[in-house]
Amino acid sequence: NGLACKNPMHVQADDFFFSGLTTT
């Protein structure tokens, strides 16, 4: 119910990042 977890040793900053909300 949700999604399985990635191995925490493979987690990177990009897993917590999103770019694309600039005003348009």
PDB file of all heavy atoms in Angstrom:
ATOM      1  N   ASN A   1       0.861  -1.180   0.000  1.00  0.00           N
ATOM      2  CA  ASN A   1       0.000   0.000   0.000  1.00  0.00           C
ATOM      3  C   ASN A   1       0.900   1.233   0.000  1.00  0.00           C
ATOM      4  O   ASN A   1       1.173   1.840   1.026  1.00  0.00           O
ATOM      5  CB  ASN A   1      -0.912   0.004   1.221  1.00  0.00           C
ATOM      6  CG  ASN A   1      -1.896   1.160   1.172  1.00  0.00           C
ATOM      7  OD1 ASN A   1      -2.196   1.684   0.112  1.00  0.00           O
ATOM      8  ND2 ASN A   1      -2.385   1.581   2.328  1.00  0.00           N
ATOM      9  N   GLY A   2       1.332   1.611  -1.171  1.00  0.00           N
ATOM     10  CA  GLY A   2       2.333   2.654  -1.345  1.00  0.00           C
ATOM     11  C   GLY A   2       3.402   2.114  -2.267  1.00  0.00           C
ATOM     12  O   GLY A   2       3.099   1.428  -3.236  1.00  0.00           O
ATOM     13  N   LEU A   3       4.637   2.369  -1.970  1.00  0.00           N
ATOM     14  CA  LEU A   3       5.738   1.888  -2.786  1.00  0.00           C
ATOM     15  C   LEU A   3       6.824   1.309  -1.886  1.00  0.00           C
ATOM     16  O   LEU A   3       7.025   1.771  -0.758  1.00  0.00           O
ATOM     17  CB  LEU A   3       6.317   3.025  -3.635  1.00  0.00           C
ATOM     18  CG  LEU A   3       5.371   3.589  -4.700  1.00  0.00           C
ATOM     19  CD1 LEU A   3       5.835   4.963  -5.164  1.00  0.00           C
ATOM     20  CD2 LEU A   3       5.275   2.631  -5.881  1.00  0.00           C
ATOM     21  N   ALA A   4       7.505   0.297  -2.388  1.00  0.00           N
ATOM     22  CA  ALA A   4       8.587  -0.332  -1.629  1.00  0.00           C
ATOM     23  C   ALA A   4       9.734   0.651  -1.431  1.00  0.00           C
ATOM     24  O   ALA A   4       9.888   1.625  -2.179  1.00  0.00           O
ATOM     25  CB  ALA A   4       9.066  -1.576  -2.364  1.00  0.00           C
ATOM     26  N   CYS A   5      10.543   0.399  -0.420  1.00  0.00           N
ATOM     27  CA  CYS A   5      11.656   1.294  -0.086  1.00  0.00           C
ATOM     28  C   CYS A   5      12.921   0.939  -0.855  1.00  0.00           C
ATOM     29  O   CYS A   5      13.279  -0.231  -0.987  1.00  0.00           O
ATOM     30  CB  CYS A   5      11.974   1.216   1.411  1.00  0.00           C
ATOM     31  SG  CYS A   5      10.600   1.623   2.501  1.00  0.00           S
ATOM     32  N   LYS A   6      13.600   1.965  -1.316  1.00  0.00           N
ATOM     33  CA  LYS A   6      14.926   1.793  -1.901  1.00  0.00           C
ATOM     34  C   LYS A   6      15.928   1.511  -0.782  1.00  0.00           C
ATOM     35  O   LYS A   6      15.745   1.946   0.366  1.00  0.00           O
ATOM     36  CB  LYS A   6      15.316   3.054  -2.658  1.00  0.00           C
ATOM     37  CG  LYS A   6      16.685   3.016  -3.318  1.00  0.00           C
ATOM     38  CD  LYS A   6      17.081   4.377  -3.864  1.00  0.00           C
ATOM     39  CE  LYS A   6      16.264   4.760  -5.072  1.00  0.00           C
ATOM     40  NZ  LYS A   6      16.797   6.002  -5.712  1.00  0.00           N
ATOM     41  N   ASN A   7      16.961   0.769  -1.110  1.00  0.00           N
ATOM     42  CA  ASN A   7      18.045   0.557  -0.157  1.00  0.00           C
ATOM     43  C   ASN A   7      18.570   1.917   0.305  1.00  0.00           C
ATOM     44  O   ASN A   7      19.002   2.732  -0.512  1.00  0.00           O
ATOM     45  CB  ASN A   7      19.178  -0.234  -0.823  1.00  0.00           C
ATOM     46  CG  ASN A   7      20.298  -0.599   0.133  1.00  0.00           C
ATOM     47  OD1 ASN A   7      20.567   0.114   1.105  1.00  0.00           O
ATOM     48  ND2 ASN A   7      20.962  -1.705  -0.135  1.00  0.00           N
ATOM     49  N   PRO A   8      18.517   2.205   1.620  1.00  0.00           N
ATOM     50  CA  PRO A   8      18.915   3.542   2.096  1.00  0.00           C
ATOM     51  C   PRO A   8      20.351   3.911   1.743  1.00  0.00           C
ATOM     52  O   PRO A   8      20.676   5.102   1.649  1.00  0.00           O
ATOM     53  CB  PRO A   8      18.718   3.459   3.610  1.00  0.00           C
ATOM     54  CG  PRO A   8      18.654   2.002   3.937  1.00  0.00           C
ATOM     55  CD  PRO A   8      18.083   1.338   2.728  1.00  0.00           C
ATOM     56  N   MET A   9      21.204   2.917   1.518  1.00  0.00           N
ATOM     57  CA  MET A   9      22.577   3.208   1.144  1.00  0.00           C
ATOM     58  C   MET A   9      22.671   3.722  -0.290  1.00  0.00           C
ATOM     59  O   MET A   9      23.704   4.277  -0.686  1.00  0.00           O
ATOM     60  CB  MET A   9      23.446   1.958   1.320  1.00  0.00           C
ATOM     61  CG  MET A   9      23.519   1.456   2.752  1.00  0.00           C
ATOM     62  SD  MET A   9      24.045   2.746   3.923  1.00  0.00           S
ATOM     63  CE  MET A   9      25.709   3.076   3.325  1.00  0.00           C
ATOM     64  N   HIS A  10      21.624   3.533  -1.076  1.00  0.00           N
ATOM     65  CA  HIS A  10      21.620   3.990  -2.466  1.00  0.00           C
ATOM     66  C   HIS A  10      20.887   5.320  -2.633  1.00  0.00           C
ATOM     67  O   HIS A  10      20.763   5.830  -3.741  1.00  0.00           O
ATOM     68  CB  HIS A  10      20.958   2.942  -3.366  1.00  0.00           C
ATOM     69  CG  HIS A  10      21.677   1.631  -3.374  1.00  0.00           C
ATOM     70  ND1 HIS A  10      21.094   0.453  -3.817  1.00  0.00           N
ATOM     71  CD2 HIS A  10      22.944   1.299  -2.967  1.00  0.00           C
ATOM     72  CE1 HIS A  10      21.963  -0.538  -3.694  1.00  0.00           C
ATOM     73  NE2 HIS A  10      23.098  -0.047  -3.183  1.00  0.00           N
ATOM     74  N   VAL A  11      20.374   5.866  -1.551  1.00  0.00           N
ATOM     75  CA  VAL A  11      19.603   7.110  -1.604  1.00  0.00           C
ATOM     76  C   VAL A  11      20.527   8.301  -1.847  1.00  0.00           C
ATOM     77  O   VAL A  11      21.602   8.395  -1.252  1.00  0.00           O
ATOM     78  CB  VAL A  11      18.814   7.296  -0.293  1.00  0.00           C
ATOM     79  CG1 VAL A  11      18.250   8.699  -0.185  1.00  0.00           C
ATOM     80  CG2 VAL A  11      17.691   6.261  -0.211  1.00  0.00           C
ATOM     81  N   GLN A  12      20.082   9.197  -2.729  1.00  0.00           N
ATOM     82  CA  GLN A  12      20.845  10.398  -3.057  1.00  0.00           C
ATOM     83  C   GLN A  12      19.982  11.642  -2.828  1.00  0.00           C
ATOM     84  O   GLN A  12      18.762  11.548  -2.654  1.00  0.00           O
ATOM     85  CB  GLN A  12      21.299  10.358  -4.528  1.00  0.00           C
ATOM     86  CG  GLN A  12      22.106   9.130  -4.903  1.00  0.00           C
ATOM     87  CD  GLN A  12      23.462   9.091  -4.224  1.00  0.00           C
ATOM     88  OE1 GLN A  12      24.048  10.136  -3.952  1.00  0.00           O
ATOM     89  NE2 GLN A  12      23.957   7.896  -3.951  1.00  0.00           N
ATOM     90  N   ALA A  13      20.597  12.814  -2.871  1.00  0.00           N
ATOM     91  CA  ALA A  13      19.874  14.067  -2.672  1.00  0.00           C
ATOM     92  C   ALA A  13      18.775  14.247  -3.709  1.00  0.00           C
ATOM     93  O   ALA A  13      17.706  14.808  -3.416  1.00  0.00           O
ATOM     94  CB  ALA A  13      20.845  15.249  -2.722  1.00  0.00           C
ATOM     95  N   ASP A  14      19.008  13.764  -4.934  1.00  0.00           N
ATOM     96  CA  ASP A  14      18.012  13.906  -6.001  1.00  0.00           C
ATOM     97  C   ASP A  14      16.705  13.190  -5.663  1.00  0.00           C
ATOM     98  O   ASP A  14      15.659  13.516  -6.239  1.00  0.00           O
ATOM     99  CB  ASP A  14      18.559  13.365  -7.325  1.00  0.00           C
ATOM    100  CG  ASP A  14      19.513  14.350  -7.987  1.00  0.00           C
ATOM    101  OD1 ASP A  14      19.581  15.507  -7.517  1.00  0.00           O
ATOM    102  OD2 ASP A  14      20.178  13.964  -8.966  1.00  0.00           O
ATOM    103  N   ASP A  15      16.739  12.208  -4.766  1.00  0.00           N
ATOM    104  CA  ASP A  15      15.516  11.496  -4.372  1.00  0.00           C
ATOM    105  C   ASP A  15      14.580  12.392  -3.570  1.00  0.00           C
ATOM    106  O   ASP A  15      13.401  12.053  -3.381  1.00  0.00           O
ATOM    107  CB  ASP A  15      15.862  10.253  -3.542  1.00  0.00           C
ATOM    108  CG  ASP A  15      16.564   9.190  -4.360  1.00  0.00           C
ATOM    109  OD1 ASP A  15      16.121   8.934  -5.492  1.00  0.00           O
ATOM    110  OD2 ASP A  15      17.547   8.609  -3.863  1.00  0.00           O
ATOM    111  N   PHE A  16      15.083  13.532  -3.090  1.00  0.00           N
ATOM    112  CA  PHE A  16      14.282  14.454  -2.286  1.00  0.00           C
ATOM    113  C   PHE A  16      14.120  15.805  -2.985  1.00  0.00           C
ATOM    114  O   PHE A  16      13.730  16.783  -2.349  1.00  0.00           O
ATOM    115  CB  PHE A  16      14.942  14.673  -0.916  1.00  0.00           C
ATOM    116  CG  PHE A  16      15.136  13.398  -0.142  1.00  0.00           C
ATOM    117  CD1 PHE A  16      16.318  12.682  -0.253  1.00  0.00           C
ATOM    118  CD2 PHE A  16      14.135  12.911   0.679  1.00  0.00           C
ATOM    119  CE1 PHE A  16      16.502  11.504   0.452  1.00  0.00           C
ATOM    120  CE2 PHE A  16      14.310  11.730   1.385  1.00  0.00           C
ATOM    121  CZ  PHE A  16      15.491  11.023   1.272  1.00  0.00           C
ATOM    122  N   PHE A  17      14.392  15.841  -4.286  1.00  0.00           N
ATOM    123  CA  PHE A  17      14.489  17.112  -5.005  1.00  0.00           C
ATOM    124  C   PHE A  17      13.605  17.116  -6.242  1.00  0.00           C
ATOM    125  O   PHE A  17      13.418  16.102  -6.908  1.00  0.00           O
ATOM    126  CB  PHE A  17      15.953  17.333  -5.407  1.00  0.00           C
ATOM    127  CG  PHE A  17      16.181  18.510  -6.318  1.00  0.00           C
ATOM    128  CD1 PHE A  17      16.221  19.795  -5.801  1.00  0.00           C
ATOM    129  CD2 PHE A  17      16.339  18.323  -7.680  1.00  0.00           C
ATOM    130  CE1 PHE A  17      16.429  20.883  -6.637  1.00  0.00           C
ATOM    131  CE2 PHE A  17      16.542  19.399  -8.522  1.00  0.00           C
ATOM    132  CZ  PHE A  17      16.588  20.679  -7.998  1.00  0.00           C
ATOM    133  N   PHE A  18      13.028  18.309  -6.538  1.00  0.00           N
ATOM    134  CA  PHE A  18      12.271  18.505  -7.778  1.00  0.00           C
ATOM    135  C   PHE A  18      12.477  19.936  -8.241  1.00  0.00           C
ATOM    136  O   PHE A  18      12.474  20.869  -7.437  1.00  0.00           O
ATOM    137  CB  PHE A  18      10.781  18.252  -7.561  1.00  0.00           C
ATOM    138  CG  PHE A  18       9.927  18.567  -8.763  1.00  0.00           C
ATOM    139  CD1 PHE A  18       9.825  17.671  -9.810  1.00  0.00           C
ATOM    140  CD2 PHE A  18       9.232  19.763  -8.834  1.00  0.00           C
ATOM    141  CE1 PHE A  18       9.031  17.958 -10.910  1.00  0.00           C
ATOM    142  CE2 PHE A  18       8.442  20.072  -9.942  1.00  0.00           C
ATOM    143  CZ  PHE A  18       8.335  19.157 -10.976  1.00  0.00           C
ATOM    144  N   SER A  19      12.675  20.120  -9.529  1.00  0.00           N
ATOM    145  CA  SER A  19      12.828  21.452 -10.105  1.00  0.00           C
ATOM    146  C   SER A  19      11.809  21.610 -11.222  1.00  0.00           C
ATOM    147  O   SER A  19      11.653  20.723 -12.052  1.00  0.00           O
ATOM    148  CB  SER A  19      14.244  21.628 -10.668  1.00  0.00           C
ATOM    149  OG  SER A  19      14.377  22.895 -11.279  1.00  0.00           O
ATOM    150  N   GLY A  20      11.092  22.722 -11.220  1.00  0.00           N
ATOM    151  CA  GLY A  20      10.119  22.929 -12.287  1.00  0.00           C
ATOM    152  C   GLY A  20       8.907  23.733 -11.875  1.00  0.00           C
ATOM    153  O   GLY A  20       7.891  23.723 -12.565  1.00  0.00           O
ATOM    154  N   LEU A  21       9.006  24.437 -10.751  1.00  0.00           N
ATOM    155  CA  LEU A  21       7.867  25.234 -10.284  1.00  0.00           C
ATOM    156  C   LEU A  21       8.068  26.722 -10.504  1.00  0.00           C
ATOM    157  O   LEU A  21       7.426  27.539  -9.854  1.00  0.00           O
ATOM    158  CB  LEU A  21       7.598  24.958  -8.797  1.00  0.00           C
ATOM    159  CG  LEU A  21       7.123  23.545  -8.464  1.00  0.00           C
ATOM    160  CD1 LEU A  21       6.864  23.409  -6.969  1.00  0.00           C
ATOM    161  CD2 LEU A  21       5.861  23.200  -9.243  1.00  0.00           C
ATOM    162  N   THR A  22       8.987  27.077 -11.403  1.00  0.00           N
ATOM    163  CA  THR A  22       9.196  28.491 -11.693  1.00  0.00           C
ATOM    164  C   THR A  22       7.961  29.069 -12.372  1.00  0.00           C
ATOM    165  O   THR A  22       7.233  28.372 -13.077  1.00  0.00           O
ATOM    166  CB  THR A  22      10.410  28.673 -12.613  1.00  0.00           C
ATOM    167  OG1 THR A  22      10.241  27.845 -13.777  1.00  0.00           O
ATOM    168  CG2 THR A  22      11.694  28.293 -11.901  1.00  0.00           C
ATOM    169  N   THR A  23       7.730  30.367 -12.139  1.00  0.00           N
ATOM    170  CA  THR A  23       6.543  31.020 -12.670  1.00  0.00           C
ATOM    171  C   THR A  23       6.524  30.975 -14.191  1.00  0.00           C
ATOM    172  O   THR A  23       7.519  31.232 -14.858  1.00  0.00           O
ATOM    173  CB  THR A  23       6.488  32.489 -12.203  1.00  0.00           C
ATOM    174  OG1 THR A  23       6.497  32.518 -10.782  1.00  0.00           O
ATOM    175  CG2 THR A  23       5.231  33.172 -12.719  1.00  0.00           C
ATOM    176  N   THR A  24       5.371  30.619 -14.728  1.00  0.00           N
ATOM    177  CA  THR A  24       5.187  30.575 -16.183  1.00  0.00           C
ATOM    178  C   THR A  24       3.748  30.898 -16.505  1.00  0.00           C
ATOM    179  O   THR A  24       2.853  30.661 -15.704  1.00  0.00           O
ATOM    180  CB  THR A  24       5.544  29.182 -16.750  1.00  0.00           C
ATOM    181  OG1 THR A  24       5.258  29.173 -18.157  1.00  0.00           O
ATOM    182  CG2 THR A  24       4.722  28.089 -16.094  1.00  0.00           C
TER     183      THR A  24
END
